[in-house]
C-alpha atoms as a PDB file:
ATOM      1  CA  MET A   1      79.874 101.936 140.636  1.00  0.00           C
ATOM      2  CA  LYS A   2      78.012  99.048 139.456  1.00  0.00           C
ATOM      3  CA  THR A   3      76.699 100.945 136.738  1.00  0.00           C
ATOM      4  CA  MET A   4      80.395 101.602 135.938  1.00  0.00           C
ATOM      5  CA  GLN A   5      81.774  98.442 136.265  1.00  0.00           C
ATOM      6  CA  THR A   6      78.846  97.150 133.335  1.00  0.00           C
ATOM      7  CA  PHE A   7      79.999  99.831 130.882  1.00  0.00           C
ATOM      8  CA  ALA A   8      83.515  99.194 131.438  1.00  0.00           C
ATOM      9  CA  LEU A   9      82.878  95.240 130.563  1.00  0.00           C
ATOM     10  CA  ALA A  10      80.649  96.460 127.702  1.00  0.00           C
ATOM     11  CA  ALA A  11      83.515  98.667 126.445  1.00  0.00           C
ATOM     12  CA  LEU A  12      86.174  95.924 126.690  1.00  0.00           C
ATOM     13  CA  PHE A  13      83.892  93.000 125.578  1.00  0.00           C
ATOM     14  CA  SER A  14      83.220  95.674 122.328  1.00  0.00           C
ATOM     15  CA  ALA A  15      86.732  96.010 121.786  1.00  0.00           C
ATOM     16  CA  ALA A  16      87.806  92.559 121.878  1.00  0.00           C
ATOM     17  CA  ALA A  17      85.097  91.866 119.041  1.00  0.00           C
ATOM     18  CA  ILE A  18      86.465  94.423 117.186  1.00  0.00           C
ATOM     19  CA  GLY A  19      89.926  93.225 117.533  1.00  0.00           C
ATOM     20  CA  GLY A  20      88.958  89.856 117.120  1.00  0.00           C
ATOM     21  CA  ALA A  21      87.053  90.850 113.361  1.00  0.00           C
ATOM     22  CA  GLU A  22      90.512  92.743 112.240  1.00  0.00           C
ATOM     23  CA  ALA A  23      92.205  90.062 113.020  1.00  0.00           C
ATOM     24  CA  HIS A  24      90.891  88.190 109.804  1.00  0.00           C
ATOM     25  CA  VAL A  25      92.672  89.476 106.387  1.00  0.00           C
ATOM     26  CA  THR A  26      89.724  91.702 104.780  1.00  0.00           C
ATOM     27  CA  PHE A  27      89.330  93.833 102.228  1.00  0.00           C
ATOM     28  CA  LEU A  28      89.721  97.869 103.339  1.00  0.00           C
ATOM     29  CA  ASP A  29      86.547  98.339 100.937  1.00  0.00           C
ATOM     30  CA  LYS A  30      83.820  95.741 101.409  1.00  0.00           C
ATOM     31  CA  GLU A  31      81.811  96.213  98.340  1.00  0.00           C
ATOM     32  CA  ALA A  32      81.944  96.629  94.563  1.00  0.00           C
ATOM     33  CA  THR A  33      80.093  97.957  91.635  1.00  0.00           C
ATOM     34  CA  GLN A  34      79.174  95.460  88.530  1.00  0.00           C
ATOM     35  CA  GLU A  35      81.137  96.296  85.813  1.00  0.00           C
ATOM     36  CA  SER A  36      83.264  98.739  87.488  1.00  0.00           C
ATOM     37  CA  THR A  37      87.087  98.416  87.718  1.00  0.00           C
ATOM     38  CA  ILE A  38      88.366  98.730  91.411  1.00  0.00           C
ATOM     39  CA  LEU A  39      91.326  98.739  93.567  1.00  0.00           C
ATOM     40  CA  ALA A  40      91.335  95.564  95.717  1.00  0.00           C
ATOM     41  CA  THR A  41      92.465  96.439  98.918  1.00  0.00           C
ATOM     42  CA  LEU A  42      93.896  93.621 100.970  1.00  0.00           C
ATOM     43  CA  GLN A  43      94.586  94.520 104.989  1.00  0.00           C
ATOM     44  CA  LEU A  44      96.889  92.060 106.415  1.00  0.00           C
ATOM     45  CA  PRO A  45      96.751  92.779 110.213  1.00  0.00           C
ATOM     46  CA  HIS A  46      99.424  90.772 111.860  1.00  0.00           C
ATOM     47  CA  GLY A  47     102.110  87.864 111.136  1.00  0.00           C
ATOM     48  CA  CYS A  48     101.989  84.209 112.323  1.00  0.00           C
ATOM     49  CA  ASP A  49     101.738  83.567 115.568  1.00  0.00           C
ATOM     50  CA  GLY A  50     104.331  86.694 116.016  1.00  0.00           C
ATOM     51  CA  LYS A  51     106.651  85.660 113.084  1.00  0.00           C
ATOM     52  CA  ALA A  52     107.235  88.109 110.128  1.00  0.00           C
ATOM     53  CA  THR A  53     104.475  87.463 107.122  1.00  0.00           C
ATOM     54  CA  THR A  54     107.313  86.775 104.121  1.00  0.00           C
ATOM     55  CA  GLU A  55     105.109  85.667 101.295  1.00  0.00           C
ATOM     56  CA  VAL A  56     100.655  86.904 100.817  1.00  0.00           C
ATOM     57  CA  ARG A  57      99.574  84.393  97.696  1.00  0.00           C
ATOM     58  CA  VAL A  58      95.363  85.163  96.553  1.00  0.00           C
ATOM     59  CA  LYS A  59      93.250  83.605  94.449  1.00  0.00           C
ATOM     60  CA  LEU A  60      91.053  85.422  92.328  1.00  0.00           C
ATOM     61  CA  PRO A  61      87.919  84.663  91.616  1.00  0.00           C
ATOM     62  CA  GLU A  62      85.753  83.938  88.417  1.00  0.00           C
ATOM     63  CA  GLY A  63      84.661  87.473  87.537  1.00  0.00           C
ATOM     64  CA  PHE A  64      86.883  89.469  88.604  1.00  0.00           C
ATOM     65  CA  VAL A  65      89.408  89.988  85.551  1.00  0.00           C
ATOM     66  CA  PHE A  66      91.975  92.058  83.479  1.00  0.00           C
ATOM     67  CA  ALA A  67      93.689  92.184  87.209  1.00  0.00           C
ATOM     68  CA  LYS A  68      97.395  93.601  88.067  1.00  0.00           C
ATOM     69  CA  PRO A  69      98.845  93.724  91.245  1.00  0.00           C
ATOM     70  CA  GLN A  70     100.389  96.946  93.094  1.00  0.00           C
ATOM     71  CA  PRO A  71     104.202  96.048  93.375  1.00  0.00           C
ATOM     72  CA  LYS A  72     105.566  96.798  96.587  1.00  0.00           C
ATOM     73  CA  ALA A  73     109.127  98.178  97.834  1.00  0.00           C
ATOM     74  CA  GLY A  74     111.156  95.126  99.116  1.00  0.00           C
ATOM     75  CA  TRP A  75     108.825  92.343  97.461  1.00  0.00           C
ATOM     76  CA  GLU A  76     109.222  90.132  94.356  1.00  0.00           C
ATOM     77  CA  LEU A  77     106.126  89.591  92.498  1.00  0.00           C
ATOM     78  CA  GLU A  78     104.678  87.130  90.782  1.00  0.00           C
ATOM     79  CA  VAL A  79     101.240  86.701  88.462  1.00  0.00           C
ATOM     80  CA  VAL A  80      99.830  83.727  87.397  1.00  0.00           C
ATOM     81  CA  LYS A  81      97.863  83.372  84.453  1.00  0.00           C
ATOM     82  CA  GLY A  82      95.488  80.557  83.478  1.00  0.00           C
ATOM     83  CA  ASP A  83      92.160  80.095  81.313  1.00  0.00           C
ATOM     84  CA  TYR A  84      88.734  81.796  82.959  1.00  0.00           C
ATOM     85  CA  GLN A  85      85.523  79.685  82.784  1.00  0.00           C
ATOM     86  CA  LYS A  86      83.591  82.910  80.426  1.00  0.00           C
ATOM     87  CA  THR A  87      85.406  85.228  77.909  1.00  0.00           C
ATOM     88  CA  TYR A  88      84.998  88.833  79.206  1.00  0.00           C
ATOM     89  CA  ASP A  89      85.123  92.015  76.968  1.00  0.00           C
ATOM     90  CA  ASN A  90      87.886  94.034  76.850  1.00  0.00           C
ATOM     91  CA  HIS A  91      87.429  97.487  75.120  1.00  0.00           C
ATOM     92  CA  GLY A  92      86.186  95.229  72.303  1.00  0.00           C
ATOM     93  CA  ASP A  93      88.967  91.915  72.739  1.00  0.00           C
ATOM     94  CA  LYS A  94      87.672  88.927  73.645  1.00  0.00           C
ATOM     95  CA  VAL A  95      89.309  87.817  76.458  1.00  0.00           C
ATOM     96  CA  LYS A  96      89.665  83.863  77.895  1.00  0.00           C
ATOM     97  CA  ALA A  97      92.792  83.846  79.872  1.00  0.00           C
ATOM     98  CA  GLY A  98      94.326  86.084  82.139  1.00  0.00           C
ATOM     99  CA  ALA A  99      95.780  86.361  85.966  1.00  0.00           C
ATOM    100  CA  VAL A 100      94.594  84.201  88.211  1.00  0.00           C
ATOM    101  CA  GLU A 101      96.809  84.320  91.348  1.00  0.00           C
ATOM    102  CA  ILE A 102      98.331  86.782  92.377  1.00  0.00           C
ATOM    103  CA  ARG A 103     102.237  86.497  94.557  1.00  0.00           C
ATOM    104  CA  TRP A 104     104.040  88.960  96.678  1.00  0.00           C
ATOM    105  CA  LYS A 105     106.769  86.910  97.590  1.00  0.00           C
ATOM    106  CA  ASN A 106     110.406  87.331  99.463  1.00  0.00           C
ATOM    107  CA  GLY A 107     109.172  90.395 101.441  1.00  0.00           C
ATOM    108  CA  ASN A 108     109.766  90.937 105.555  1.00  0.00           C
ATOM    109  CA  LEU A 109     106.468  92.366 107.175  1.00  0.00           C
ATOM    110  CA  SER A 110     106.876  91.886 110.897  1.00  0.00           C
ATOM    111  CA  ASP A 111     104.363  91.088 113.429  1.00  0.00           C
ATOM    112  CA  ASP A 112     104.171  94.266 114.506  1.00  0.00           C
ATOM    113  CA  PHE A 113     103.031  96.052 111.646  1.00  0.00           C
ATOM    114  CA  TYR A 114     100.000  96.282 109.408  1.00  0.00           C
ATOM    115  CA  ASP A 115     100.100  96.500 105.749  1.00  0.00           C
ATOM    116  CA  THR A 116      97.744  96.239 102.505  1.00  0.00           C
ATOM    117  CA  PHE A 117      97.835  94.871  99.422  1.00  0.00           C
ATOM    118  CA  VAL A 118      96.053  95.958  96.287  1.00  0.00           C
ATOM    119  CA  ILE A 119      94.900  94.526  92.977  1.00  0.00           C
ATOM    120  CA  GLN A 120      93.434  96.329  90.396  1.00  0.00           C
ATOM    121  CA  GLY A 121      90.678  94.804  88.104  1.00  0.00           C
ATOM    122  CA  GLU A 122      87.194  94.725  86.900  1.00  0.00           C
ATOM    123  CA  VAL A 123      84.100  93.269  88.373  1.00  0.00           C
ATOM    124  CA  SER A 124      82.419  91.878  85.095  1.00  0.00           C
ATOM    125  CA  GLY A 125      79.376  89.471  84.612  1.00  0.00           C
ATOM    126  CA  ILE A 126      78.528  88.995  88.336  1.00  0.00           C
ATOM    127  CA  GLU A 127      75.210  89.501  89.530  1.00  0.00           C
ATOM    128  CA  ALA A 128      74.434  92.135  92.656  1.00  0.00           C
ATOM    129  CA  GLY A 129      74.152  90.762  95.996  1.00  0.00           C
ATOM    130  CA  THR A 130      76.728  88.213  94.933  1.00  0.00           C
ATOM    131  CA  SER A 131      79.891  87.775  97.322  1.00  0.00           C
ATOM    132  CA  LEU A 132      82.805  87.175  95.493  1.00  0.00           C
ATOM    133  CA  ALA A 133      85.408  85.252  98.198  1.00  0.00           C
ATOM    134  CA  PHE A 134      89.585  85.723  97.613  1.00  0.00           C
ATOM    135  CA  PRO A 135      91.340  82.811  99.116  1.00  0.00           C
ATOM    136  CA  VAL A 136      94.630  84.072 100.916  1.00  0.00           C
ATOM    137  CA  THR A 137      97.507  82.162 101.739  1.00  0.00           C
ATOM    138  CA  GLN A 138      99.753  84.220 104.377  1.00  0.00           C
ATOM    139  CA  MET A 139     103.153  83.024 104.419  1.00  0.00           C
ATOM    140  CA  CYS A 140     105.559  83.555 107.951  1.00  0.00           C
ATOM    141  CA  GLY A 141     109.068  81.423 106.365  1.00  0.00           C
ATOM    142  CA  ASP A 142     107.840  78.100 107.171  1.00  0.00           C
ATOM    143  CA  THR A 143     104.634  78.582 108.994  1.00  0.00           C
ATOM    144  CA  VAL A 144     101.430  78.734 106.994  1.00  0.00           C
ATOM    145  CA  GLN A 145      98.289  80.556 107.279  1.00  0.00           C
ATOM    146  CA  ALA A 146      95.720  79.387 104.691  1.00  0.00           C
ATOM    147  CA  TRP A 147      92.463  82.358 104.736  1.00  0.00           C
ATOM    148  CA  ASP A 148      90.396  80.489 102.713  1.00  0.00           C
ATOM    149  CA  GLN A 149      87.239  79.630 104.273  1.00  0.00           C
ATOM    150  CA  VAL A 150      84.085  80.085 102.364  1.00  0.00           C
ATOM    151  CA  ALA A 151      80.758  79.656 104.046  1.00  0.00           C
ATOM    152  CA  LYS A 152      77.951  78.163 102.122  1.00  0.00           C
ATOM    153  CA  GLU A 153      74.755  80.285 101.386  1.00  0.00           C
ATOM    154  CA  GLY A 154      72.831  81.232 104.105  1.00  0.00           C
ATOM    155  CA  VAL A 155      75.638  80.303 106.745  1.00  0.00           C
ATOM    156  CA  ASP A 156      76.661  82.848 109.211  1.00  0.00           C
ATOM    157  CA  ALA A 157      80.323  83.231 108.421  1.00  0.00           C
ATOM    158  CA  HIS A 158      81.382  85.112 111.663  1.00  0.00           C
ATOM    159  CA  GLY A 159      82.415  81.765 113.557  1.00  0.00           C
ATOM    160  CA  MET A 160      84.988  80.496 110.842  1.00  0.00           C
ATOM    161  CA  LYS A 161      88.212  80.545 111.851  1.00  0.00           C
ATOM    162  CA  SER A 162      89.561  81.387 108.778  1.00  0.00           C
ATOM    163  CA  PRO A 163      87.466  82.978 106.481  1.00  0.00           C
ATOM    164  CA  ALA A 164      88.309  84.229 103.161  1.00  0.00           C
ATOM    165  CA  PRO A 165      87.820  87.796 102.260  1.00  0.00           C
ATOM    166  CA  LEU A 166      84.814  88.618 100.780  1.00  0.00           C
ATOM    167  CA  LEU A 167      83.919  91.492  98.239  1.00  0.00           C
ATOM    168  CA  LYS A 168      79.792  92.029  98.023  1.00  0.00           C
ATOM    169  CA  VAL A 169      78.708  93.415  94.688  1.00  0.00           C
ATOM    170  CA  VAL A 170      76.511  95.526  94.591  1.00  0.00           C
ATOM    171  CA  ALA A 171      74.302  97.283  91.576  1.00  0.00           C
ATOM    172  CA  GLY A 172      74.973 100.542  89.894  1.00  0.00           C
ATOM    173  CA  GLU A 173      76.335 102.333  87.089  1.00  0.00           C
ATOM    174  CA  SER A 174      79.533 100.829  85.857  1.00  0.00           C
ATOM    175  CA  HIS A 175      82.831 103.495  86.562  1.00  0.00           C
ATOM    176  CA  ASP A 176      84.147 104.754  83.111  1.00  0.00           C
ATOM    177  CA  HIS A 177      87.718 103.745  84.535  1.00  0.00           C
ATOM    178  CA  GLU A 178      90.347 103.277  81.907  1.00  0.00           C
ATOM    179  CA  HIS A 179      91.305  99.781  82.348  1.00  0.00           C
ATOM    180  CA  GLY A 180      95.157 100.522  83.563  1.00  0.00           C
ATOM    181  CA  ASN A 181      98.215  98.379  82.892  1.00  0.00           C
ATOM    182  CA  MET A 182      99.580  97.086  86.350  1.00  0.00           C
ATOM    183  CA  ALA A 183     100.218 100.622  87.729  1.00  0.00           C
ATOM    184  CA  GLY A 184     101.459 101.683  83.831  1.00  0.00           C
ATOM    185  CA  MET A 185     102.607  98.429  82.883  1.00  0.00           C
ATOM    186  CA  ASP A 186     100.758  95.313  81.111  1.00  0.00           C
ATOM    187  CA  MET A 187     102.138  91.607  81.381  1.00  0.00           C
ATOM    188  CA  THR A 188     102.765  90.886  77.435  1.00  0.00           C
ATOM    189  CA  GLY A 189     106.090  89.630  78.444  1.00  0.00           C
ATOM    190  CA  LYS A 190     107.843  91.300  75.110  1.00  0.00           C
ATOM    191  CA  THR A 191     111.794  91.609  74.682  1.00  0.00           C
ATOM    192  CA  GLY A 192     113.200  94.271  75.370  1.00  0.00           C
ATOM    193  CA  MET A 193     116.408  94.654  74.463  1.00  0.00           C
ATOM    194  CA  ASP A 194     117.198  95.653  70.588  1.00  0.00           C
ATOM    195  CA  MET A 195     120.630  94.034  69.845  1.00  0.00           C
ATOM    196  CA  THR A 196     121.242  97.100  67.073  1.00  0.00           C
ATOM    197  CA  GLY A 197     125.231  96.792  66.854  1.00  0.00           C
ATOM    198  CA  LYS A 198     124.887 100.225  65.531  1.00  0.00           C
ATOM    199  CA  THR A 199     127.402 103.121  66.132  1.00  0.00           C
ATOM    200  CA  GLY A 200     126.360 106.745  65.473  1.00  0.00           C
ATOM    201  CA  MET A 201     128.366 109.935  65.931  1.00  0.00           C
ATOM    202  CA  ASP A 202     130.507 110.311  69.254  1.00  0.00           C
ATOM    203  CA  MET A 203     128.830 113.165  72.002  1.00  0.00           C
ATOM    204  CA  SER A 204     129.608 114.382  75.051  1.00  0.00           C
ATOM    205  CA  GLY A 205     128.723 116.470  78.038  1.00  0.00           C
ATOM    206  CA  MET A 206     125.773 116.787  79.888  1.00  0.00           C
ATOM    207  CA  ALA A 207     122.538 117.895  78.172  1.00  0.00           C
ATOM    208  CA  ALA A 208     119.578 119.462  79.974  1.00  0.00           C
ATOM    209  CA  ALA A 209     116.319 118.117  79.360  1.00  0.00           C
ATOM    210  CA  ALA A 210     114.369 118.717  75.975  1.00  0.00           C
ATOM    211  CA  PRO A 211     110.965 118.891  75.849  1.00  0.00           C
ATOM    212  CA  ALA A 212     108.534 115.801  76.313  1.00  0.00           C
ATOM    213  CA  GLY A 213     109.120 112.938  74.137  1.00  0.00           C
ATOM    214  CA  GLU A 214     112.062 114.430  72.366  1.00  0.00           C
ATOM    215  CA  THR A 215     115.890 112.401  72.222  1.00  0.00           C
ATOM    216  CA  VAL A 216     118.388 113.635  75.204  1.00  0.00           C
ATOM    217  CA  LYS A 217     121.553 113.579  74.232  1.00  0.00           C
ATOM    218  CA  ALA A 218     124.450 113.362  76.910  1.00  0.00           C
ATOM    219  CA  GLY A 219     128.190 111.721  76.458  1.00  0.00           C
ATOM    220  CA  ASP A 220     127.734 108.359  74.061  1.00  0.00           C
ATOM    221  CA  LEU A 221     124.170 107.933  75.066  1.00  0.00           C
ATOM    222  CA  GLU A 222     120.892 108.862  73.489  1.00  0.00           C
ATOM    223  CA  VAL A 223     117.904 108.522  75.598  1.00  0.00           C
ATOM    224  CA  SER A 224     114.195 108.992  73.761  1.00  0.00           C
ATOM    225  CA  GLY A 225     110.794 108.004  73.547  1.00  0.00           C
ATOM    226  CA  GLY A 226     110.172 108.694  77.581  1.00  0.00           C
ATOM    227  CA  PHE A 227     106.793 107.920  78.395  1.00  0.00           C
ATOM    228  CA  ALA A 228     104.035 107.490  81.438  1.00  0.00           C
ATOM    229  CA  LYS A 229     100.382 105.777  81.667  1.00  0.00           C
ATOM    230  CA  ALA A 230      97.752 107.092  83.555  1.00  0.00           C
ATOM    231  CA  MET A 231      96.981 105.479  86.503  1.00  0.00           C
ATOM    232  CA  LEU A 232      93.573 105.211  88.742  1.00  0.00           C
ATOM    233  CA  PRO A 233      92.372 108.044  90.977  1.00  0.00           C
ATOM    234  CA  GLY A 234      94.211 106.682  94.543  1.00  0.00           C
ATOM    235  CA  GLN A 235      96.846 104.969  92.974  1.00  0.00           C
ATOM    236  CA  PRO A 236     100.590 105.428  95.076  1.00  0.00           C
ATOM    237  CA  VAL A 237     102.283 103.619  92.077  1.00  0.00           C
ATOM    238  CA  GLY A 238     102.885 103.817  88.213  1.00  0.00           C
ATOM    239  CA  GLY A 239     105.573 102.665  85.144  1.00  0.00           C
ATOM    240  CA  GLY A 240     107.769 104.552  83.449  1.00  0.00           C
ATOM    241  CA  PHE A 241     108.999 103.851  79.944  1.00  0.00           C
ATOM    242  CA  PHE A 242     112.159 104.683  77.318  1.00  0.00           C
ATOM    243  CA  THR A 243     115.049 103.938  74.995  1.00  0.00           C
ATOM    244  CA  VAL A 244     118.825 104.455  75.580  1.00  0.00           C
ATOM    245  CA  LYS A 245     121.070 103.977  72.429  1.00  0.00           C
ATOM    246  CA  ASN A 246     124.636 103.964  73.312  1.00  0.00           C
ATOM    247  CA  ASN A 247     126.635 104.834  70.485  1.00  0.00           C
ATOM    248  CA  GLY A 248     129.787 104.802  71.996  1.00  0.00           C
ATOM    249  CA  LYS A 249     133.000 101.617  72.168  1.00  0.00           C
ATOM    250  CA  THR A 250     131.918 101.311  75.835  1.00  0.00           C
ATOM    251  CA  ASP A 251     129.431 100.118  78.318  1.00  0.00           C
ATOM    252  CA  ASP A 252     127.455 102.537  80.418  1.00  0.00           C
ATOM    253  CA  ARG A 253     124.777 101.673  83.496  1.00  0.00           C
ATOM    254  CA  LEU A 254     122.193 102.884  84.181  1.00  0.00           C
ATOM    255  CA  LEU A 255     122.377 103.084  88.026  1.00  0.00           C
ATOM    256  CA  SER A 256     119.753 105.088  89.735  1.00  0.00           C
ATOM    257  CA  VAL A 257     116.400 107.324  88.740  1.00  0.00           C
ATOM    258  CA  THR A 258     114.811 110.221  90.790  1.00  0.00           C
ATOM    259  CA  SER A 259     111.566 112.556  89.993  1.00  0.00           C
ATOM    260  CA  PRO A 260     110.021 115.321  92.002  1.00  0.00           C
ATOM    261  CA  VAL A 261     106.691 113.519  91.406  1.00  0.00           C
ATOM    262  CA  ALA A 262     107.603 110.481  93.673  1.00  0.00           C
ATOM    263  CA  GLY A 263     108.842 109.585  97.051  1.00  0.00           C
ATOM    264  CA  GLU A 264     111.315 106.800  94.832  1.00  0.00           C
ATOM    265  CA  VAL A 265     111.747 105.710  91.381  1.00  0.00           C
ATOM    266  CA  GLN A 266     113.341 101.951  91.263  1.00  0.00           C
ATOM    267  CA  LEU A 267     114.139  99.972  88.097  1.00  0.00           C
ATOM    268  CA  HIS A 268     112.511  97.003  87.180  1.00  0.00           C
ATOM    269  CA  GLU A 269     112.419  93.804  85.269  1.00  0.00           C
ATOM    270  CA  MET A 270     108.988  91.581  84.343  1.00  0.00           C
ATOM    271  CA  VAL A 271     109.916  88.252  82.758  1.00  0.00           C
ATOM    272  CA  THR A 272     107.409  85.706  82.043  1.00  0.00           C
ATOM    273  CA  LYS A 273     107.832  81.951  82.082  1.00  0.00           C
ATOM    274  CA  ASP A 274     105.646  78.769  82.262  1.00  0.00           C
ATOM    275  CA  ASN A 275     102.591  81.356  82.242  1.00  0.00           C
ATOM    276  CA  VAL A 276     103.912  82.740  85.484  1.00  0.00           C
ATOM    277  CA  MET A 277     105.157  86.599  85.386  1.00  0.00           C
ATOM    278  CA  ARG A 278     107.827  87.906  87.786  1.00  0.00           C
ATOM    279  CA  MET A 279     108.930  90.772  88.840  1.00  0.00           C
ATOM    280  CA  ARG A 280     111.691  92.090  90.674  1.00  0.00           C
ATOM    281  CA  GLN A 281     113.957  95.036  91.348  1.00  0.00           C
ATOM    282  CA  LEU A 282     117.570  95.712  89.668  1.00  0.00           C
ATOM    283  CA  LYS A 283     119.211  97.132  92.148  1.00  0.00           C
ATOM    284  CA  ASP A 284     122.232  96.741  90.216  1.00  0.00           C
ATOM    285  CA  GLY A 285     121.166  99.071  87.657  1.00  0.00           C
ATOM    286  CA  ILE A 286     120.522  98.547  84.011  1.00  0.00           C
ATOM    287  CA  THR A 287     123.878  97.614  81.337  1.00  0.00           C
ATOM    288  CA  VAL A 288     123.540  99.303  78.191  1.00  0.00           C
ATOM    289  CA  ALA A 289     126.083  97.714  76.475  1.00  0.00           C
ATOM    290  CA  ALA A 290     128.417  99.431  73.514  1.00  0.00           C
ATOM    291  CA  GLY A 291     126.707  99.964  70.041  1.00  0.00           C
ATOM    292  CA  GLN A 292     123.751  98.507  71.451  1.00  0.00           C
ATOM    293  CA  THR A 293     120.195  99.539  72.390  1.00  0.00           C
ATOM    294  CA  VAL A 294     117.928  99.338  75.651  1.00  0.00           C
ATOM    295  CA  LYS A 295     114.191  99.797  75.913  1.00  0.00           C
ATOM    296  CA  LEU A 296     112.356 100.238  78.913  1.00  0.00           C
ATOM    297  CA  GLU A 297     109.012  98.775  77.662  1.00  0.00           C
ATOM    298  CA  PRO A 298     105.872  97.649  78.928  1.00  0.00           C
ATOM    299  CA  GLY A 299     106.482  93.907  79.838  1.00  0.00           C
ATOM    300  CA  ASN A 300     109.817  93.697  80.538  1.00  0.00           C
ATOM    301  CA  LEU A 301     112.578  96.148  82.091  1.00  0.00           C
ATOM    302  CA  HIS A 302     110.535  99.641  83.549  1.00  0.00           C
ATOM    303  CA  LEU A 303     110.582 102.396  86.052  1.00  0.00           C
ATOM    304  CA  MET A 304     108.441 101.729  89.202  1.00  0.00           C
ATOM    305  CA  PHE A 305     107.603 105.289  90.614  1.00  0.00           C
ATOM    306  CA  GLN A 306     106.714 104.399  94.076  1.00  0.00           C
ATOM    307  CA  LYS A 307     104.701 106.568  96.699  1.00  0.00           C
ATOM    308  CA  VAL A 308     103.457 108.910  93.721  1.00  0.00           C
ATOM    309  CA  LYS A 309     101.878 112.225  94.990  1.00  0.00           C
ATOM    310  CA  THR A 310      99.380 112.972  92.815  1.00  0.00           C
ATOM    311  CA  PRO A 311      98.191 110.114  89.950  1.00  0.00           C
ATOM    312  CA  PHE A 312      99.512 110.680  86.334  1.00  0.00           C
ATOM    313  CA  LYS A 313      96.858 111.968  84.417  1.00  0.00           C
ATOM    314  CA  GLN A 314      96.623 111.513  80.648  1.00  0.00           C
ATOM    315  CA  GLY A 315      97.950 114.879  79.055  1.00  0.00           C
ATOM    316  CA  ASP A 316     100.628 115.886  82.301  1.00  0.00           C
ATOM    317  CA  THR A 317     104.082 115.182  82.103  1.00  0.00           C
ATOM    318  CA  VAL A 318     106.830 113.857  84.238  1.00  0.00           C
ATOM    319  CA  PRO A 319     110.049 114.853  85.276  1.00  0.00           C
ATOM    320  CA  VAL A 320     112.668 112.381  85.777  1.00  0.00           C
ATOM    321  CA  THR A 321     116.622 112.792  86.117  1.00  0.00           C
ATOM    322  CA  LEU A 322     118.408 108.970  85.291  1.00  0.00           C
ATOM    323  CA  THR A 323     122.221 109.152  86.921  1.00  0.00           C
ATOM    324  CA  PHE A 324     124.261 106.842  84.339  1.00  0.00           C
ATOM    325  CA  GLU A 325     127.640 105.709  85.406  1.00  0.00           C
ATOM    326  CA  LYS A 326     129.854 107.092  83.082  1.00  0.00           C
ATOM    327  CA  ALA A 327     127.561 109.921  81.201  1.00  0.00           C
ATOM    328  CA  GLY A 328     126.261 111.492  84.546  1.00  0.00           C
ATOM    329  CA  LYS A 329     123.196 112.846  85.259  1.00  0.00           C
ATOM    330  CA  VAL A 330     120.403 112.904  82.541  1.00  0.00           C
ATOM    331  CA  ASP A 331     116.995 115.032  82.656  1.00  0.00           C
ATOM    332  CA  LEU A 332     114.222 113.532  80.861  1.00  0.00           C
ATOM    333  CA  VAL A 333     110.479 114.854  81.030  1.00  0.00           C
ATOM    334  CA  LEU A 334     107.904 111.705  80.266  1.00  0.00           C
ATOM    335  CA  GLN A 335     104.806 111.984  78.252  1.00  0.00           C
ATOM    336  CA  VAL A 336     101.647 110.729  80.441  1.00  0.00           C
ATOM    337  CA  LEU A 337     100.105 108.825  78.035  1.00  0.00           C
ATOM    338  CA  SER A 338      96.572 106.514  78.332  1.00  0.00           C
ATOM    339  CA  ALA A 339      96.359 103.503  80.105  1.00  0.00           C
ATOM    340  CA  GLN A 340      96.475 101.606  77.080  1.00  0.00           C
ATOM    341  CA  GLY A 341      99.717 103.811  76.227  1.00  0.00           C
ATOM    342  CA  LYS A 342      98.181 105.845  73.531  1.00  0.00           C
END
């Protein structure tokens, strides 16, 4: 009987130890190979003293470069840019600046639930055995929980109350991943609306889907140049792009998009101001004014594929159905290009 009680107590203490470890913000995979592109997945196990989490901020360490966050449904996204301490090579380009902080904002993650926040980036110029610290600020309305304590070399971090999540860099061959552009998007902040003022032929009726990349006509609209970007394995979010030209004399509006390859497709806008990139969902749709052309392109307006069943691969095609206020439903096929959009 005594042995049983001892075993039960040992199990209880073991469970408590595991629970305590999981109470901190940590990475799902705690190791990263040198010179590899990874999906750094932060685990957020709870809120702040029972309150729902409304914002998560992550500061990126030197050596974790070309970072692009994975958007989350129901959250706004900000990427703060700054200078790197060193210069890094990105496919032959010398890069001296990039994302230094990621912010998921205006969400509502109940204390009853667990979630993950994903950042794609490359581990570059870091010696094996080094641990990269990613200080996290978790905000629950007016309550703030900082996970930013970093142990000095040789000091055990297990006794810390609010340790920063760590990625240990290990030796190994680099992975030959293409660098994705924020789930199929880059953050260049390009202007995406072309006020051409041109008019064309008046067309009517709904068109069937044309082969990938070809122009589809419906009513006064011409939809062309459709493409998506290749995704990393395991990546559940991707981006899509195309151009809409309104040849008519009345405005139209893109209301929604669906696709059999994704659980949901959202309309998003990306804007860069004062070195901060902000992305938000356009729940009211995208207006295509009479006589104008609207481009959905990297760095501005775009489609956001959520819960992608199989990551897009270069050479594949992605079918989508666009629903416009006046032109109705339009079937379009997107070509999947490389992660660089080539």
